[in-house]
Amino acid sequence: MPQSDGYSVYSALLALLQSANDEVSQHVHDSEIGSLHTSGLRGPFGDGDRSHHKRVLTDTEYTLSLGITDPDDEAIFEALVSALVLADEPLELTHGQLRIESFESENTSHEALLTEADDLDDPTIEMTFRTATCIEEAGSVTTMFPTRGPSSAACSGSGTTRLRNWNST
């Protein structure tokens, strides 16, 4: 699979949604707000047989975080749970399948976040980037976060291997 597996996983999730609920799938596909977000697969990989590709290892556990940011989040969630958990359908990737072994859910509302923040003396937002994240800023211009400048400076004291790994993304 490609080194950057987010698109492959996202595409597989859309196909799975379509098989579970065509109407919900169409809603997610047509949404202007990006209703479904995925981390891509996290875990150890082997070397791929093609440039810029990696190999999923047999009998290895991978994690995948999904975020649903849509007013119709319950329908999207129910369709995903129906396919991945209840129907026990695998996630079909280009050259194989991934089977879901466990599933965890966490839900909150905008109101709940505001209520929780209101109880804090000095509310701040802390972000942890589990993977590099691209954010569309203007039209087709995207920026990767964390940006390379501050990340490179932070890594420079720890040797060049980390810096080389970051620059290969």
N, C-alpha and C. Protein backbone atom coordinates (compact mmCIF):
# COMPACT_ATOMS: atom_id res chain seq x y z
N MET A 1 0.84 -1.17 0.00
CA MET A 1 0.00 0.00 0.00
C MET A 1 0.89 1.23 0.00
N PRO A 2 0.36 2.37 -0.44
CA PRO A 2 1.18 3.60 -0.48
C PRO A 2 1.64 4.01 0.91
N GLN A 3 2.83 4.65 1.00
CA GLN A 3 3.33 5.14 2.28
C GLN A 3 2.28 6.00 2.96
N SER A 4 1.64 6.86 2.19
CA SER A 4 0.57 7.69 2.72
C SER A 4 -0.74 6.95 2.47
N ASP A 5 -1.21 6.22 3.47
CA ASP A 5 -2.35 5.32 3.26
C ASP A 5 -3.71 5.96 3.57
N GLY A 6 -3.73 7.22 3.94
CA GLY A 6 -4.98 7.88 4.30
C GLY A 6 -6.03 7.83 3.21
N TYR A 7 -5.63 8.10 1.96
CA TYR A 7 -6.59 8.07 0.85
C TYR A 7 -7.12 6.66 0.60
N SER A 8 -6.25 5.67 0.69
CA SER A 8 -6.67 4.28 0.49
C SER A 8 -7.67 3.85 1.55
N VAL A 9 -7.39 4.20 2.80
CA VAL A 9 -8.27 3.83 3.90
C VAL A 9 -9.59 4.59 3.78
N TYR A 10 -9.51 5.88 3.46
CA TYR A 10 -10.73 6.70 3.31
C TYR A 10 -11.61 6.13 2.20
N SER A 11 -11.00 5.78 1.09
CA SER A 11 -11.75 5.20 -0.03
C SER A 11 -12.40 3.88 0.36
N ALA A 12 -11.67 3.06 1.11
CA ALA A 12 -12.23 1.78 1.56
C ALA A 12 -13.40 2.01 2.52
N LEU A 13 -13.29 3.02 3.37
CA LEU A 13 -14.39 3.33 4.29
C LEU A 13 -15.62 3.81 3.54
N LEU A 14 -15.42 4.64 2.49
CA LEU A 14 -16.56 5.09 1.68
C LEU A 14 -17.24 3.91 0.99
N ALA A 15 -16.44 2.98 0.47
CA ALA A 15 -17.01 1.79 -0.18
C ALA A 15 -17.79 0.95 0.83
N LEU A 16 -17.26 0.83 2.04
CA LEU A 16 -17.94 0.08 3.09
C LEU A 16 -19.24 0.77 3.48
N LEU A 17 -19.20 2.09 3.59
CA LEU A 17 -20.42 2.85 3.88
C LEU A 17 -21.47 2.64 2.80
N GLN A 18 -21.03 2.62 1.54
CA GLN A 18 -21.96 2.45 0.44
C GLN A 18 -22.64 1.08 0.52
N SER A 19 -21.89 0.05 0.89
CA SER A 19 -22.50 -1.27 1.00
C SER A 19 -23.46 -1.35 2.19
N ALA A 20 -23.20 -0.55 3.24
CA ALA A 20 -24.05 -0.57 4.42
C ALA A 20 -25.28 0.32 4.28
N ASN A 21 -25.09 1.51 3.68
CA ASN A 21 -26.19 2.47 3.57
C ASN A 21 -25.85 3.46 2.46
N ASP A 22 -26.43 3.24 1.30
CA ASP A 22 -26.11 4.04 0.12
C ASP A 22 -26.42 5.53 0.32
N GLU A 23 -27.51 5.82 1.01
CA GLU A 23 -27.90 7.22 1.23
C GLU A 23 -26.88 7.95 2.12
N VAL A 24 -26.44 7.31 3.19
CA VAL A 24 -25.44 7.89 4.08
C VAL A 24 -24.12 8.05 3.34
N SER A 25 -23.76 7.04 2.57
CA SER A 25 -22.52 7.10 1.78
C SER A 25 -22.53 8.29 0.83
N GLN A 26 -23.63 8.50 0.15
CA GLN A 26 -23.74 9.62 -0.78
C GLN A 26 -23.64 10.95 -0.04
N HIS A 27 -24.26 11.03 1.13
CA HIS A 27 -24.20 12.25 1.95
C HIS A 27 -22.75 12.57 2.32
N VAL A 28 -22.00 11.56 2.78
CA VAL A 28 -20.60 11.76 3.17
C VAL A 28 -19.77 12.16 1.96
N HIS A 29 -19.98 11.49 0.84
CA HIS A 29 -19.22 11.76 -0.37
C HIS A 29 -19.46 13.18 -0.88
N ASP A 30 -20.70 13.65 -0.80
CA ASP A 30 -21.06 14.97 -1.34
C ASP A 30 -20.87 16.12 -0.35
N SER A 31 -20.57 15.81 0.88
CA SER A 31 -20.48 16.84 1.92
C SER A 31 -19.34 17.82 1.64
N GLU A 32 -19.63 19.09 1.83
CA GLU A 32 -18.61 20.12 1.64
C GLU A 32 -17.74 20.30 2.88
N ILE A 33 -18.17 19.75 4.01
CA ILE A 33 -17.43 19.98 5.25
C ILE A 33 -16.47 18.85 5.61
N GLY A 34 -16.37 17.82 4.82
CA GLY A 34 -15.50 16.71 5.16
C GLY A 34 -16.05 15.96 6.36
N SER A 35 -17.09 15.19 6.16
CA SER A 35 -17.83 14.53 7.24
C SER A 35 -17.05 13.45 7.97
N LEU A 36 -16.11 12.84 7.30
CA LEU A 36 -15.41 11.69 7.85
C LEU A 36 -13.90 11.93 7.73
N HIS A 37 -13.21 11.78 8.84
CA HIS A 37 -11.75 11.97 8.86
C HIS A 37 -11.11 10.70 9.40
N THR A 38 -9.99 10.32 8.81
CA THR A 38 -9.30 9.11 9.24
C THR A 38 -7.82 9.40 9.48
N SER A 39 -7.25 8.69 10.43
CA SER A 39 -5.84 8.85 10.74
C SER A 39 -4.96 8.10 9.76
N GLY A 40 -5.52 7.19 9.01
CA GLY A 40 -4.69 6.24 8.28
C GLY A 40 -4.27 5.15 9.27
N LEU A 41 -3.65 4.13 8.79
CA LEU A 41 -3.26 3.00 9.65
C LEU A 41 -2.02 3.34 10.45
N ARG A 42 -2.03 2.99 11.74
CA ARG A 42 -0.87 3.20 12.60
C ARG A 42 -0.42 1.85 13.12
N GLY A 43 0.86 1.59 12.96
CA GLY A 43 1.44 0.34 13.40
C GLY A 43 2.70 0.06 12.61
N PRO A 44 3.35 -1.07 12.86
CA PRO A 44 4.59 -1.40 12.13
C PRO A 44 4.29 -1.92 10.72
N PHE A 45 5.12 -1.54 9.77
CA PHE A 45 4.97 -1.97 8.39
C PHE A 45 6.29 -2.55 7.90
N GLY A 46 6.21 -3.40 6.89
CA GLY A 46 7.40 -3.92 6.24
C GLY A 46 7.70 -3.08 5.01
N ASP A 47 8.83 -3.37 4.40
CA ASP A 47 9.21 -2.66 3.18
C ASP A 47 8.34 -3.12 2.03
N GLY A 48 7.89 -2.18 1.21
CA GLY A 48 7.08 -2.50 0.05
C GLY A 48 7.96 -2.92 -1.12
N ASP A 49 7.34 -3.52 -2.12
CA ASP A 49 8.10 -3.95 -3.29
C ASP A 49 8.15 -2.87 -4.36
N ARG A 50 7.53 -1.72 -4.08
CA ARG A 50 7.55 -0.58 -5.01
C ARG A 50 8.00 0.66 -4.25
N SER A 51 8.53 1.62 -4.98
CA SER A 51 8.94 2.88 -4.38
C SER A 51 7.75 3.56 -3.71
N HIS A 52 7.97 4.15 -2.54
CA HIS A 52 6.94 4.88 -1.79
C HIS A 52 5.76 3.99 -1.38
N HIS A 53 6.02 2.71 -1.17
CA HIS A 53 4.98 1.78 -0.71
C HIS A 53 5.49 1.02 0.50
N LYS A 54 4.56 0.55 1.31
CA LYS A 54 4.88 -0.24 2.50
C LYS A 54 4.02 -1.49 2.48
N ARG A 55 4.40 -2.46 3.29
CA ARG A 55 3.69 -3.73 3.32
C ARG A 55 3.05 -3.90 4.70
N VAL A 56 1.75 -4.22 4.70
CA VAL A 56 1.06 -4.54 5.94
C VAL A 56 1.52 -5.92 6.37
N LEU A 57 1.87 -6.07 7.63
CA LEU A 57 2.39 -7.34 8.13
C LEU A 57 1.25 -8.23 8.62
N THR A 58 1.31 -9.50 8.25
CA THR A 58 0.32 -10.49 8.67
C THR A 58 0.36 -10.65 10.19
N ASP A 59 -0.80 -10.87 10.78
CA ASP A 59 -0.92 -11.09 12.23
C ASP A 59 -0.37 -9.92 13.05
N THR A 60 -0.49 -8.72 12.53
CA THR A 60 -0.05 -7.52 13.23
C THR A 60 -1.25 -6.62 13.45
N GLU A 61 -1.32 -6.03 14.63
CA GLU A 61 -2.44 -5.15 14.96
C GLU A 61 -2.13 -3.72 14.50
N TYR A 62 -3.09 -3.12 13.83
CA TYR A 62 -3.00 -1.73 13.40
C TYR A 62 -4.16 -0.97 14.01
N THR A 63 -3.94 0.29 14.30
CA THR A 63 -5.03 1.11 14.82
C THR A 63 -5.42 2.14 13.78
N LEU A 64 -6.64 2.57 13.88
CA LEU A 64 -7.22 3.53 12.94
C LEU A 64 -8.18 4.40 13.73
N SER A 65 -7.97 5.70 13.70
CA SER A 65 -8.90 6.62 14.37
C SER A 65 -9.78 7.27 13.33
N LEU A 66 -11.07 7.31 13.63
CA LEU A 66 -12.02 7.96 12.74
C LEU A 66 -12.68 9.10 13.48
N GLY A 67 -12.92 10.18 12.77
CA GLY A 67 -13.65 11.30 13.33
C GLY A 67 -14.83 11.62 12.43
N ILE A 68 -15.98 11.82 13.03
CA ILE A 68 -17.17 12.17 12.26
C ILE A 68 -17.56 13.59 12.66
N THR A 69 -17.49 14.49 11.71
CA THR A 69 -17.80 15.90 11.96
C THR A 69 -18.91 16.32 11.02
N ASP A 70 -20.10 15.88 11.32
CA ASP A 70 -21.22 16.11 10.43
C ASP A 70 -22.48 16.26 11.28
N PRO A 71 -23.40 17.14 10.88
CA PRO A 71 -24.65 17.25 11.63
C PRO A 71 -25.42 15.92 11.70
N ASP A 72 -25.22 15.05 10.71
CA ASP A 72 -25.89 13.75 10.70
C ASP A 72 -24.94 12.66 11.19
N ASP A 73 -24.17 12.98 12.24
CA ASP A 73 -23.14 12.07 12.71
C ASP A 73 -23.67 10.72 13.18
N GLU A 74 -24.87 10.69 13.75
CA GLU A 74 -25.42 9.43 14.24
C GLU A 74 -25.66 8.44 13.11
N ALA A 75 -26.18 8.91 11.98
CA ALA A 75 -26.44 8.01 10.85
C ALA A 75 -25.13 7.46 10.28
N ILE A 76 -24.10 8.30 10.21
CA ILE A 76 -22.79 7.86 9.70
C ILE A 76 -22.20 6.84 10.66
N PHE A 77 -22.25 7.14 11.95
CA PHE A 77 -21.72 6.23 12.96
C PHE A 77 -22.45 4.88 12.91
N GLU A 78 -23.77 4.92 12.85
CA GLU A 78 -24.55 3.68 12.82
C GLU A 78 -24.23 2.85 11.59
N ALA A 79 -24.04 3.49 10.44
CA ALA A 79 -23.71 2.74 9.21
C ALA A 79 -22.33 2.09 9.34
N LEU A 80 -21.36 2.81 9.89
CA LEU A 80 -20.02 2.24 10.08
C LEU A 80 -20.04 1.08 11.07
N VAL A 81 -20.72 1.26 12.19
CA VAL A 81 -20.81 0.19 13.20
C VAL A 81 -21.54 -1.01 12.61
N SER A 82 -22.59 -0.75 11.87
CA SER A 82 -23.35 -1.84 11.25
C SER A 82 -22.47 -2.70 10.36
N ALA A 83 -21.65 -2.05 9.54
CA ALA A 83 -20.80 -2.79 8.61
C ALA A 83 -19.57 -3.39 9.29
N LEU A 84 -18.85 -2.59 10.07
CA LEU A 84 -17.58 -3.04 10.63
C LEU A 84 -17.73 -3.97 11.83
N VAL A 85 -18.73 -3.73 12.66
CA VAL A 85 -18.85 -4.50 13.91
C VAL A 85 -19.95 -5.54 13.82
N LEU A 86 -21.17 -5.12 13.53
CA LEU A 86 -22.29 -6.05 13.54
C LEU A 86 -22.24 -7.05 12.39
N ALA A 87 -21.95 -6.58 11.18
CA ALA A 87 -21.88 -7.48 10.03
C ALA A 87 -20.50 -8.12 9.89
N ASP A 88 -19.53 -7.64 10.71
CA ASP A 88 -18.17 -8.19 10.71
C ASP A 88 -17.54 -8.16 9.31
N GLU A 89 -17.81 -7.09 8.56
CA GLU A 89 -17.23 -6.98 7.21
C GLU A 89 -15.80 -6.45 7.32
N PRO A 90 -14.89 -6.97 6.51
CA PRO A 90 -13.52 -6.46 6.52
C PRO A 90 -13.44 -5.14 5.76
N LEU A 91 -12.38 -4.42 6.00
CA LEU A 91 -12.09 -3.20 5.25
C LEU A 91 -11.28 -3.62 4.04
N GLU A 92 -11.86 -3.48 2.84
CA GLU A 92 -11.23 -3.94 1.60
C GLU A 92 -10.23 -2.91 1.10
N LEU A 93 -8.96 -3.24 1.14
CA LEU A 93 -7.92 -2.38 0.61
C LEU A 93 -7.48 -2.92 -0.75
N THR A 94 -6.58 -2.23 -1.41
CA THR A 94 -6.19 -2.57 -2.77
C THR A 94 -5.71 -4.01 -2.92
N HIS A 95 -4.85 -4.46 -2.01
CA HIS A 95 -4.28 -5.80 -2.14
C HIS A 95 -4.57 -6.68 -0.93
N GLY A 96 -5.73 -6.52 -0.33
CA GLY A 96 -6.05 -7.37 0.81
C GLY A 96 -7.15 -6.77 1.67
N GLN A 97 -7.39 -7.41 2.79
CA GLN A 97 -8.46 -7.00 3.69
C GLN A 97 -7.90 -6.80 5.09
N LEU A 98 -8.53 -5.88 5.80
CA LEU A 98 -8.25 -5.71 7.22
C LEU A 98 -9.53 -6.01 7.98
N ARG A 99 -9.43 -6.87 8.97
CA ARG A 99 -10.59 -7.24 9.78
C ARG A 99 -10.54 -6.46 11.09
N ILE A 100 -11.68 -5.96 11.51
CA ILE A 100 -11.78 -5.20 12.74
C ILE A 100 -11.85 -6.18 13.92
N GLU A 101 -10.89 -6.06 14.84
CA GLU A 101 -10.85 -6.94 16.01
C GLU A 101 -11.52 -6.29 17.21
N SER A 102 -11.40 -4.97 17.33
CA SER A 102 -12.04 -4.28 18.44
C SER A 102 -12.45 -2.89 17.99
N PHE A 103 -13.40 -2.33 18.72
CA PHE A 103 -13.99 -1.05 18.33
C PHE A 103 -14.29 -0.26 19.60
N GLU A 104 -13.84 0.98 19.65
CA GLU A 104 -14.12 1.85 20.79
C GLU A 104 -14.74 3.13 20.27
N SER A 105 -15.63 3.70 21.06
CA SER A 105 -16.33 4.90 20.64
C SER A 105 -16.29 5.95 21.75
N GLU A 106 -16.14 7.19 21.34
CA GLU A 106 -16.19 8.31 22.26
C GLU A 106 -16.97 9.42 21.58
N ASN A 107 -17.91 10.00 22.28
CA ASN A 107 -18.78 11.00 21.66
C ASN A 107 -18.90 12.20 22.57
N THR A 108 -18.98 13.38 21.97
CA THR A 108 -19.24 14.59 22.72
C THR A 108 -19.99 15.56 21.82
N SER A 109 -20.53 16.58 22.42
CA SER A 109 -21.26 17.58 21.65
C SER A 109 -20.56 18.93 21.79
N HIS A 110 -20.92 19.84 20.91
CA HIS A 110 -20.38 21.19 20.98
C HIS A 110 -20.74 21.83 22.32
N GLU A 111 -21.97 21.64 22.75
CA GLU A 111 -22.44 22.20 24.02
C GLU A 111 -21.64 21.63 25.19
N ALA A 112 -21.38 20.33 25.17
CA ALA A 112 -20.62 19.70 26.25
C ALA A 112 -19.20 20.25 26.32
N LEU A 113 -18.59 20.47 25.17
CA LEU A 113 -17.24 21.05 25.15
C LEU A 113 -17.24 22.46 25.73
N LEU A 114 -18.24 23.26 25.35
CA LEU A 114 -18.33 24.62 25.87
C LEU A 114 -18.58 24.64 27.38
N THR A 115 -19.42 23.74 27.85
CA THR A 115 -19.70 23.64 29.28
C THR A 115 -18.43 23.26 30.04
N GLU A 116 -17.70 22.29 29.52
CA GLU A 116 -16.47 21.86 30.17
C GLU A 116 -15.44 23.00 30.17
N ALA A 117 -15.31 23.71 29.06
CA ALA A 117 -14.36 24.82 28.98
C ALA A 117 -14.75 25.96 29.91
N ASP A 118 -16.05 26.16 30.09
CA ASP A 118 -16.55 27.24 30.95
C ASP A 118 -16.15 27.02 32.41
N ASP A 119 -15.96 25.78 32.80
CA ASP A 119 -15.59 25.46 34.18
C ASP A 119 -14.09 25.61 34.44
N LEU A 120 -13.30 25.88 33.41
CA LEU A 120 -11.86 26.00 33.56
C LEU A 120 -11.45 27.43 33.87
N ASP A 121 -10.39 27.59 34.65
CA ASP A 121 -9.88 28.92 34.98
C ASP A 121 -9.17 29.55 33.79
N ASP A 122 -8.37 28.77 33.09
CA ASP A 122 -7.60 29.28 31.95
C ASP A 122 -7.70 28.28 30.80
N PRO A 123 -8.84 28.28 30.09
CA PRO A 123 -9.02 27.26 29.03
C PRO A 123 -8.03 27.45 27.87
N THR A 124 -7.42 26.37 27.48
CA THR A 124 -6.52 26.35 26.33
C THR A 124 -6.83 25.12 25.50
N ILE A 125 -6.37 25.15 24.28
CA ILE A 125 -6.53 24.00 23.39
C ILE A 125 -5.14 23.43 23.12
N GLU A 126 -4.97 22.16 23.39
CA GLU A 126 -3.72 21.48 23.09
C GLU A 126 -4.00 20.46 22.00
N MET A 127 -3.14 20.43 21.01
CA MET A 127 -3.31 19.49 19.90
C MET A 127 -2.14 18.54 19.87
N THR A 128 -2.44 17.27 19.69
CA THR A 128 -1.42 16.26 19.52
C THR A 128 -1.57 15.70 18.12
N PHE A 129 -0.53 15.82 17.31
CA PHE A 129 -0.56 15.30 15.95
C PHE A 129 -0.03 13.88 15.98
N ARG A 130 -0.91 12.91 15.75
CA ARG A 130 -0.51 11.51 15.70
C ARG A 130 0.16 11.21 14.37
N THR A 131 -0.25 11.92 13.36
CA THR A 131 0.35 11.79 12.03
C THR A 131 0.43 13.20 11.46
N ALA A 132 1.20 13.36 10.42
CA ALA A 132 1.23 14.66 9.75
C ALA A 132 -0.19 14.96 9.25
N THR A 133 -0.59 16.20 9.34
CA THR A 133 -1.94 16.60 8.99
C THR A 133 -1.88 17.72 7.96
N CYS A 134 -2.62 17.59 6.88
CA CYS A 134 -2.68 18.64 5.87
C CYS A 134 -4.00 19.39 5.99
N ILE A 135 -3.91 20.70 6.02
CA ILE A 135 -5.09 21.54 6.15
C ILE A 135 -5.18 22.45 4.93
N GLU A 136 -6.34 22.46 4.29
CA GLU A 136 -6.56 23.31 3.13
C GLU A 136 -6.73 24.74 3.61
N GLU A 137 -5.89 25.64 3.08
CA GLU A 137 -5.94 27.02 3.53
C GLU A 137 -6.60 27.95 2.51
N ALA A 138 -6.31 27.76 1.25
CA ALA A 138 -6.88 28.65 0.23
C ALA A 138 -6.97 27.88 -1.08
N GLY A 139 -8.20 27.55 -1.47
CA GLY A 139 -8.37 26.82 -2.72
C GLY A 139 -7.68 25.48 -2.67
N SER A 140 -6.71 25.29 -3.55
CA SER A 140 -6.01 24.01 -3.60
C SER A 140 -4.69 24.04 -2.83
N VAL A 141 -4.44 25.10 -2.06
CA VAL A 141 -3.21 25.21 -1.28
C VAL A 141 -3.41 24.52 0.06
N THR A 142 -2.55 23.54 0.35
CA THR A 142 -2.61 22.86 1.64
C THR A 142 -1.29 23.05 2.37
N THR A 143 -1.37 23.06 3.68
CA THR A 143 -0.18 23.20 4.51
C THR A 143 -0.13 22.01 5.45
N MET A 144 1.07 21.42 5.57
CA MET A 144 1.25 20.28 6.46
C MET A 144 1.55 20.78 7.87
N PHE A 145 0.92 20.18 8.88
CA PHE A 145 1.17 20.50 10.27
C PHE A 145 1.57 19.23 10.98
N PRO A 146 2.47 19.24 11.91
CA PRO A 146 3.25 20.41 12.25
C PRO A 146 4.17 20.78 11.10
N THR A 147 4.41 22.06 10.94
CA THR A 147 5.22 22.53 9.82
C THR A 147 6.67 22.09 10.00
N ARG A 148 7.39 22.01 8.91
CA ARG A 148 8.76 21.48 8.96
C ARG A 148 9.72 22.39 9.71
N GLY A 149 9.54 23.70 9.64
CA GLY A 149 10.46 24.62 10.32
C GLY A 149 10.59 24.35 11.80
N PRO A 150 9.51 24.52 12.58
CA PRO A 150 9.61 24.27 14.02
C PRO A 150 9.94 22.81 14.34
N SER A 151 9.43 21.89 13.56
CA SER A 151 9.71 20.48 13.82
C SER A 151 11.17 20.17 13.60
N SER A 152 11.75 20.74 12.54
CA SER A 152 13.17 20.51 12.26
C SER A 152 14.03 21.09 13.36
N ALA A 153 13.68 22.28 13.84
CA ALA A 153 14.45 22.90 14.91
C ALA A 153 14.38 22.05 16.18
N ALA A 154 13.20 21.51 16.47
CA ALA A 154 13.03 20.67 17.66
C ALA A 154 13.81 19.37 17.56
N CYS A 155 13.95 18.88 16.35
CA CYS A 155 14.64 17.59 16.15
C CYS A 155 16.14 17.74 16.01
N SER A 156 16.61 18.94 15.71
CA SER A 156 18.03 19.11 15.37
C SER A 156 18.95 18.72 16.52
N GLY A 157 18.51 18.87 17.75
CA GLY A 157 19.36 18.49 18.87
C GLY A 157 19.38 17.00 19.10
N SER A 158 18.49 16.24 18.46
CA SER A 158 18.41 14.81 18.73
C SER A 158 19.02 13.96 17.63
N GLY A 159 19.79 14.55 16.75
CA GLY A 159 20.39 13.79 15.67
C GLY A 159 19.67 13.99 14.36
N THR A 160 20.26 13.52 13.29
CA THR A 160 19.72 13.77 11.96
C THR A 160 18.72 12.71 11.52
N THR A 161 18.64 11.58 12.20
CA THR A 161 17.73 10.52 11.76
C THR A 161 16.29 10.99 11.80
N ARG A 162 15.87 11.61 12.89
CA ARG A 162 14.50 12.10 12.98
C ARG A 162 14.22 13.13 11.89
N LEU A 163 15.15 14.04 11.69
CA LEU A 163 14.99 15.07 10.68
C LEU A 163 14.86 14.44 9.30
N ARG A 164 15.67 13.45 9.01
CA ARG A 164 15.61 12.74 7.73
C ARG A 164 14.27 12.04 7.59
N ASN A 165 13.77 11.41 8.66
CA ASN A 165 12.46 10.75 8.61
C ASN A 165 11.35 11.75 8.35
N TRP A 166 11.43 12.93 8.99
CA TRP A 166 10.39 13.94 8.78
C TRP A 166 10.43 14.42 7.33
N ASN A 167 11.60 14.68 6.81
CA ASN A 167 11.72 15.20 5.45
C ASN A 167 11.28 14.19 4.40
N SER A 168 11.21 12.92 4.76
CA SER A 168 10.76 11.91 3.78
C SER A 168 9.26 11.83 3.69
N THR A 169 8.52 12.57 4.53
CA THR A 169 7.06 12.53 4.47
C THR A 169 6.54 13.42 3.36
